[in-house]
Protein backbone atom coordinates (compact mmCIF):
# COMPACT_ATOMS: atom_id res chain seq x y z
CA MET A 1 -62.02 -86.20 -92.60
CA ARG A 2 -60.73 -86.47 -96.13
CA SER A 3 -61.71 -88.97 -98.78
CA GLY A 4 -61.18 -89.44 -102.48
CA PRO A 5 -58.13 -89.51 -104.71
CA VAL A 6 -54.78 -88.07 -103.67
CA ASP A 7 -53.65 -85.18 -105.89
CA GLU A 8 -50.81 -85.80 -108.35
CA ALA A 9 -48.27 -83.61 -106.55
CA LEU A 10 -48.73 -85.44 -103.24
CA GLU A 11 -48.68 -88.83 -104.95
CA THR A 12 -45.40 -87.90 -106.66
CA ARG A 13 -43.93 -86.69 -103.36
CA ILE A 14 -44.91 -89.93 -101.65
CA ALA A 15 -43.52 -92.07 -104.48
CA ASP A 16 -40.23 -90.18 -104.25
CA GLY A 17 -40.20 -90.59 -100.46
CA LEU A 18 -40.87 -94.32 -100.77
CA ARG A 19 -38.18 -94.52 -103.48
CA ILE A 20 -40.50 -96.07 -106.06
CA GLU A 21 -41.69 -95.08 -109.51
CA ARG A 22 -45.03 -93.27 -109.44
CA GLY A 23 -46.28 -95.72 -112.06
CA SER A 24 -45.92 -98.60 -109.59
CA ILE A 25 -48.74 -97.10 -107.49
CA LEU A 26 -51.97 -98.75 -108.65
CA ASP A 27 -54.14 -96.32 -106.69
CA ALA A 28 -53.78 -93.61 -104.05
CA GLN A 29 -56.70 -92.50 -101.89
CA TRP A 30 -57.32 -90.61 -98.70
CA ALA A 31 -58.41 -93.26 -96.20
CA ASP A 32 -59.21 -91.02 -93.29
CA ASN A 33 -61.06 -92.51 -90.33
CA GLY A 34 -59.52 -90.04 -87.89
CA PRO A 35 -55.73 -90.21 -88.16
CA GLY A 36 -55.67 -88.96 -91.78
CA TRP A 37 -54.07 -91.85 -93.67
CA VAL A 38 -52.95 -91.63 -97.28
CA ALA A 39 -53.46 -95.14 -98.65
CA LEU A 40 -51.50 -96.57 -101.55
CA GLN A 41 -52.08 -99.83 -103.35
CA LEU A 42 -49.03 -101.48 -104.91
CA GLY A 43 -48.99 -104.47 -107.24
CA SER A 44 -47.93 -107.18 -104.82
CA ARG A 45 -46.84 -108.20 -101.36
CA ALA A 46 -43.24 -108.25 -102.62
CA ASP A 47 -43.56 -104.62 -103.76
CA VAL A 48 -44.80 -103.61 -100.30
CA LEU A 49 -42.03 -105.49 -98.49
CA ALA A 50 -39.34 -104.01 -100.77
CA LEU A 51 -40.06 -100.42 -99.68
CA GLU A 52 -37.12 -98.55 -98.13
CA PRO A 53 -38.58 -95.12 -97.33
CA ASP A 54 -36.75 -91.84 -96.97
CA TYR A 55 -38.42 -91.05 -93.65
CA ALA A 56 -37.30 -87.42 -93.61
CA ALA A 57 -39.05 -86.79 -96.94
CA LEU A 58 -42.34 -88.07 -95.52
CA GLU A 59 -42.10 -86.61 -92.02
CA ASP A 60 -45.50 -84.89 -91.92
CA LEU A 61 -47.55 -87.74 -93.40
CA LYS A 62 -49.27 -90.92 -92.29
CA ILE A 63 -48.96 -93.41 -95.14
CA GLY A 64 -50.50 -96.86 -95.41
CA VAL A 65 -49.36 -99.18 -98.17
CA VAL A 66 -51.16 -102.37 -99.19
CA GLY A 67 -50.45 -105.09 -101.73
CA ALA A 68 -52.25 -108.34 -102.44
CA TRP A 69 -50.73 -111.68 -101.58
CA ASP A 70 -50.30 -114.20 -104.40
CA ALA A 71 -51.53 -117.49 -102.92
CA GLY A 72 -49.25 -119.45 -105.27
CA LYS A 73 -46.10 -117.62 -104.11
CA ASP A 74 -47.00 -116.22 -100.70
CA GLY A 75 -49.33 -118.89 -99.31
CA ASN A 76 -52.82 -118.35 -97.97
CA ASP A 77 -52.06 -117.17 -94.43
CA ALA A 78 -53.27 -113.68 -95.43
CA GLN A 79 -54.72 -111.92 -98.44
CA PHE A 80 -52.91 -108.56 -98.12
CA GLU A 81 -49.58 -107.19 -96.87
CA VAL A 82 -49.78 -103.83 -95.08
CA ARG A 83 -47.15 -101.34 -93.93
CA ALA A 84 -47.81 -98.18 -91.90
CA PHE A 85 -45.44 -95.22 -91.94
CA ALA A 86 -46.49 -92.50 -89.48
CA MET A 87 -43.55 -90.15 -89.29
CA GLY A 88 -45.86 -87.28 -88.38
CA ALA A 89 -46.78 -89.19 -85.22
CA GLY A 90 -43.15 -89.94 -84.40
CA VAL A 91 -43.32 -93.55 -85.62
CA LYS A 92 -41.19 -94.62 -88.57
CA GLU A 93 -43.09 -97.86 -89.03
CA ASP A 94 -45.82 -99.38 -86.88
CA PRO A 95 -45.83 -103.19 -86.71
CA VAL A 96 -49.65 -103.48 -86.49
CA THR A 97 -52.09 -100.61 -86.91
CA GLY A 98 -55.81 -101.05 -86.25
CA SER A 99 -56.86 -97.61 -87.49
CA LEU A 100 -55.00 -98.06 -90.78
CA ASN A 101 -56.40 -101.52 -91.35
CA ALA A 102 -59.92 -100.23 -90.69
CA ALA A 103 -59.42 -97.37 -93.15
CA LEU A 104 -57.93 -99.70 -95.78
CA ALA A 105 -60.83 -102.12 -95.30
CA GLN A 106 -63.38 -99.38 -95.94
CA TRP A 107 -61.61 -98.49 -99.19
CA LEU A 108 -60.74 -102.00 -100.40
CA ILE A 109 -64.11 -103.59 -99.63
CA ARG A 110 -66.16 -100.68 -101.04
CA SER A 111 -64.14 -100.69 -104.26
CA GLY A 112 -64.46 -104.47 -104.68
CA ARG A 113 -60.72 -105.09 -104.24
CA ALA A 114 -61.20 -107.16 -101.10
CA PRO A 115 -63.82 -109.61 -99.88
CA THR A 116 -65.94 -108.70 -96.87
CA SER A 117 -63.78 -110.93 -94.68
CA TYR A 118 -60.00 -111.24 -94.99
CA VAL A 119 -56.69 -111.32 -93.12
CA ALA A 120 -53.98 -108.69 -93.51
CA SER A 121 -50.35 -109.35 -92.67
CA GLN A 122 -48.45 -106.46 -91.09
CA GLY A 123 -45.08 -106.12 -89.38
CA THR A 124 -43.25 -108.56 -91.67
CA ALA A 125 -40.60 -105.98 -92.61
CA LEU A 126 -39.95 -105.46 -88.88
CA GLY A 127 -39.63 -109.15 -88.09
CA ARG A 128 -43.15 -109.35 -86.66
CA ALA A 129 -45.88 -111.73 -87.77
CA GLY A 130 -48.89 -109.51 -87.19
CA ARG A 131 -52.23 -110.72 -88.48
CA VAL A 132 -55.23 -108.42 -88.59
CA HIS A 133 -58.64 -110.01 -89.09
CA VAL A 134 -61.06 -107.82 -91.01
CA ASP A 135 -64.80 -108.44 -91.21
CA GLN A 136 -67.57 -106.31 -92.64
CA VAL A 137 -70.89 -106.86 -90.85
CA GLU A 138 -73.63 -104.88 -92.55
CA ASN A 139 -72.24 -101.31 -92.64
CA ASP A 140 -69.61 -101.82 -89.94
CA ILE A 141 -65.97 -102.86 -90.27
CA TRP A 142 -64.61 -105.00 -87.43
CA ILE A 143 -60.87 -105.28 -86.80
CA GLY A 144 -59.44 -108.04 -84.63
CA GLY A 145 -56.39 -110.10 -83.90
CA GLU A 146 -54.14 -111.20 -81.08
CA THR A 147 -52.00 -109.05 -78.83
CA VAL A 148 -48.81 -109.57 -76.86
CA THR A 149 -48.12 -107.66 -73.65
CA LEU A 150 -44.65 -106.13 -73.83
CA ILE A 151 -44.66 -103.98 -70.69
CA THR A 152 -46.73 -104.01 -67.52
CA GLY A 153 -46.52 -101.78 -64.51
CA THR A 154 -47.93 -98.88 -62.57
CA LEU A 155 -47.33 -95.20 -63.12
CA SER A 156 -47.94 -92.65 -60.38
CA ILE A 157 -48.24 -89.01 -61.33
């Protein structure tokens, strides 16, 4: 599993693929808890929601993007906005991603950018109102929230 800063060439490639200026990325880190996420922090929730990726340019990457909510503008329903682009896994954008939120929590809490308990909003750009509850208990990160069953059935092989 990788950790630490993302190299400049990859950060530039990702910025180009997300169609943003590299300077708008506040930080870029490997946040790898298994899937191999590249995590980016942008300046605000609005910056995260404004992304219009060139999916083909990012096809082999799993990218998580996070931006802080401004309670005065965005309300206090959540503290962060998250988007997950996993083209390498065949998913353009995932509406709610537990593994990404766990990886982001490890990074954000350790670096002092997030409290030990917070709520992340995800899926907004897809018309979903996902809320991921994050709690650090001692050395463990706990991820929770609500689910909705979309399909039920039986498969015989």
